[in-house]
Amino acid sequence: MHFRPLHDRVLVRRIDAEAKTAGGIIIPDTAKEKPQQGEIIAAGPGARNEQGQLVPLDVKPGDRVLFAKWSGTEVKIDGEELLIMKESDLLGVVETTATLKKAA
């Protein structure tokens, strides 16, 4: 199935956090919190401003993003648990050092 978000919504796949702490302690599944980092799978075309003009989103598929703990609506598409949320629910884009070097 193909899913295309509408307006300023994005489809996000959670990126699992490490199962081990920096000190080497393994965290059991029951004690883990849901990750707050994800990858944009699909993005809508954007929202309309007061003049009716389309304002494109700042994120695109493939971007790694941070979002609030309880944001979004959980959905299951093709057996995979994903989140649908508005772009305004995103806290920011995570850029890796390789991405930063390409921009320079």
C-alpha atoms as a PDB file:
ATOM      1  CA  MET A   1       0.000   0.000   0.000  1.00  0.00           C
ATOM      2  CA  HIS A   2       1.212   3.505  -0.756  1.00  0.00           C
ATOM      3  CA  PHE A   3       0.338   6.308   1.669  1.00  0.00           C
ATOM      4  CA  ARG A   4       0.525  10.014   0.802  1.00  0.00           C
ATOM      5  CA  PRO A   5       0.033  12.492   3.685  1.00  0.00           C
ATOM      6  CA  LEU A   6      -2.177  15.509   3.060  1.00  0.00           C
ATOM      7  CA  HIS A   7      -1.425  19.201   3.683  1.00  0.00           C
ATOM      8  CA  ASP A   8       1.353  19.745   6.276  1.00  0.00           C
ATOM      9  CA  ARG A   9       1.428  16.193   7.627  1.00  0.00           C
ATOM     10  CA  VAL A  10       4.377  13.789   7.532  1.00  0.00           C
ATOM     11  CA  LEU A  11       4.713  10.018   7.894  1.00  0.00           C
ATOM     12  CA  VAL A  12       7.505   9.061  10.321  1.00  0.00           C
ATOM     13  CA  ARG A  13       9.198   5.726  11.104  1.00  0.00           C
ATOM     14  CA  ARG A  14      10.625   5.623  14.625  1.00  0.00           C
ATOM     15  CA  ILE A  15      14.360   4.937  14.846  1.00  0.00           C
ATOM     16  CA  ASP A  16      15.044   2.572  17.728  1.00  0.00           C
ATOM     17  CA  ALA A  17      17.365   3.839  20.436  1.00  0.00           C
ATOM     18  CA  GLU A  18      20.349   1.839  21.597  1.00  0.00           C
ATOM     19  CA  ALA A  19      19.485  -1.081  23.880  1.00  0.00           C
ATOM     20  CA  LYS A  20      22.639  -0.397  25.895  1.00  0.00           C
ATOM     21  CA  THR A  21      23.627   2.591  28.028  1.00  0.00           C
ATOM     22  CA  ALA A  22      26.994   4.325  27.693  1.00  0.00           C
ATOM     23  CA  GLY A  23      28.186   2.293  30.695  1.00  0.00           C
ATOM     24  CA  GLY A  24      27.285  -0.995  28.968  1.00  0.00           C
ATOM     25  CA  ILE A  25      24.090  -1.780  30.890  1.00  0.00           C
ATOM     26  CA  ILE A  26      21.523  -3.539  28.696  1.00  0.00           C
ATOM     27  CA  ILE A  27      18.038  -2.022  28.969  1.00  0.00           C
ATOM     28  CA  PRO A  28      15.178  -4.565  28.854  1.00  0.00           C
ATOM     29  CA  ASP A  29      12.257  -3.939  26.457  1.00  0.00           C
ATOM     30  CA  THR A  30       9.855  -3.333  29.344  1.00  0.00           C
ATOM     31  CA  ALA A  31      11.956  -0.431  30.660  1.00  0.00           C
ATOM     32  CA  LYS A  32      12.576   1.238  27.302  1.00  0.00           C
ATOM     33  CA  GLU A  33      10.808   4.432  26.356  1.00  0.00           C
ATOM     34  CA  LYS A  34       9.541   4.921  22.832  1.00  0.00           C
ATOM     35  CA  PRO A  35      12.176   6.629  20.697  1.00  0.00           C
ATOM     36  CA  GLN A  36      11.736  10.324  19.968  1.00  0.00           C
ATOM     37  CA  GLN A  37      13.783  10.216  16.799  1.00  0.00           C
ATOM     38  CA  GLY A  38      12.529   9.106  13.421  1.00  0.00           C
ATOM     39  CA  GLU A  39      12.929   9.179   9.679  1.00  0.00           C
ATOM     40  CA  ILE A  40      10.516  10.962   7.356  1.00  0.00           C
ATOM     41  CA  ILE A  41       8.977   8.362   5.033  1.00  0.00           C
ATOM     42  CA  ALA A  42       6.552  10.655   3.185  1.00  0.00           C
ATOM     43  CA  ALA A  43       5.564  14.318   3.382  1.00  0.00           C
ATOM     44  CA  GLY A  44       2.504  16.230   2.229  1.00  0.00           C
ATOM     45  CA  PRO A  45       2.716  19.120  -0.250  1.00  0.00           C
ATOM     46  CA  GLY A  46       2.468  21.818   2.450  1.00  0.00           C
ATOM     47  CA  ALA A  47      -0.037  24.108   4.121  1.00  0.00           C
ATOM     48  CA  ARG A  48      -1.832  27.105   2.669  1.00  0.00           C
ATOM     49  CA  ASN A  49      -1.237  30.583   4.084  1.00  0.00           C
ATOM     50  CA  GLU A  50      -3.870  33.295   4.530  1.00  0.00           C
ATOM     51  CA  GLN A  51      -3.525  34.352   0.880  1.00  0.00           C
ATOM     52  CA  GLY A  52      -4.183  30.784  -0.273  1.00  0.00           C
ATOM     53  CA  GLN A  53      -0.610  30.217  -1.453  1.00  0.00           C
ATOM     54  CA  LEU A  54       1.007  26.823  -0.876  1.00  0.00           C
ATOM     55  CA  VAL A  55       3.830  26.964   1.683  1.00  0.00           C
ATOM     56  CA  PRO A  56       6.067  23.899   1.169  1.00  0.00           C
ATOM     57  CA  LEU A  57       7.342  21.855   4.117  1.00  0.00           C
ATOM     58  CA  ASP A  58      10.880  22.263   5.469  1.00  0.00           C
ATOM     59  CA  VAL A  59      11.369  18.476   5.708  1.00  0.00           C
ATOM     60  CA  LYS A  60      11.604  15.854   2.980  1.00  0.00           C
ATOM     61  CA  PRO A  61      11.621  12.048   2.864  1.00  0.00           C
ATOM     62  CA  GLY A  62      14.872  10.678   4.287  1.00  0.00           C
ATOM     63  CA  ASP A  63      15.350  13.443   6.899  1.00  0.00           C
ATOM     64  CA  ARG A  64      16.013  12.326  10.485  1.00  0.00           C
ATOM     65  CA  VAL A  65      13.867  14.323  12.904  1.00  0.00           C
ATOM     66  CA  LEU A  66      13.203  14.732  16.610  1.00  0.00           C
ATOM     67  CA  PHE A  67       9.653  14.942  17.911  1.00  0.00           C
ATOM     68  CA  ALA A  68       7.908  15.255  21.269  1.00  0.00           C
ATOM     69  CA  LYS A  69       7.260  12.115  23.281  1.00  0.00           C
ATOM     70  CA  TRP A  70       3.478  12.029  22.810  1.00  0.00           C
ATOM     71  CA  SER A  71       3.178  13.614  19.322  1.00  0.00           C
ATOM     72  CA  GLY A  72       1.513  12.107  16.335  1.00  0.00           C
ATOM     73  CA  THR A  73      -1.025   9.412  15.684  1.00  0.00           C
ATOM     74  CA  GLU A  74       0.195   5.825  15.583  1.00  0.00           C
ATOM     75  CA  VAL A  75      -0.930   3.855  12.525  1.00  0.00           C
ATOM     76  CA  LYS A  76      -0.076   0.442  11.118  1.00  0.00           C
ATOM     77  CA  ILE A  77       0.648   0.351   7.376  1.00  0.00           C
ATOM     78  CA  ASP A  78       1.704  -2.948   5.778  1.00  0.00           C
ATOM     79  CA  GLY A  79       2.363  -4.373   9.256  1.00  0.00           C
ATOM     80  CA  GLU A  80       4.770  -1.568  10.195  1.00  0.00           C
ATOM     81  CA  GLU A  81       4.002   0.845  13.031  1.00  0.00           C
ATOM     82  CA  LEU A  82       4.383   4.450  11.836  1.00  0.00           C
ATOM     83  CA  LEU A  83       3.422   7.921  13.051  1.00  0.00           C
ATOM     84  CA  ILE A  84       1.435  10.593  11.240  1.00  0.00           C
ATOM     85  CA  MET A  85       2.005  14.105  12.577  1.00  0.00           C
ATOM     86  CA  LYS A  86       1.891  17.723  11.541  1.00  0.00           C
ATOM     87  CA  GLU A  87       5.144  19.398  10.622  1.00  0.00           C
ATOM     88  CA  SER A  88       4.644  21.761  13.577  1.00  0.00           C
ATOM     89  CA  ASP A  89       4.914  18.725  15.933  1.00  0.00           C
ATOM     90  CA  LEU A  90       8.502  18.165  14.780  1.00  0.00           C
ATOM     91  CA  LEU A  91      11.166  19.698  17.012  1.00  0.00           C
ATOM     92  CA  GLY A  92      13.996  19.710  14.497  1.00  0.00           C
ATOM     93  CA  VAL A  93      16.057  17.913  11.877  1.00  0.00           C
ATOM     94  CA  VAL A  94      19.064  15.862  12.997  1.00  0.00           C
ATOM     95  CA  GLU A  95      22.004  16.411  10.678  1.00  0.00           C
ATOM     96  CA  THR A  96      24.957  14.028  10.678  1.00  0.00           C
ATOM     97  CA  THR A  97      28.545  15.213  10.302  1.00  0.00           C
ATOM     98  CA  ALA A  98      28.618  13.805   6.732  1.00  0.00           C
ATOM     99  CA  THR A  99      25.606  15.980   5.840  1.00  0.00           C
ATOM    100  CA  LEU A 100      27.254  19.040   7.360  1.00  0.00           C
ATOM    101  CA  LYS A 101      30.490  18.455   5.415  1.00  0.00           C
ATOM    102  CA  LYS A 102      28.586  18.245   2.097  1.00  0.00           C
ATOM    103  CA  ALA A 103      26.873  21.574   2.790  1.00  0.00           C
ATOM    104  CA  ALA A 104      30.195  23.348   3.444  1.00  0.00           C
END
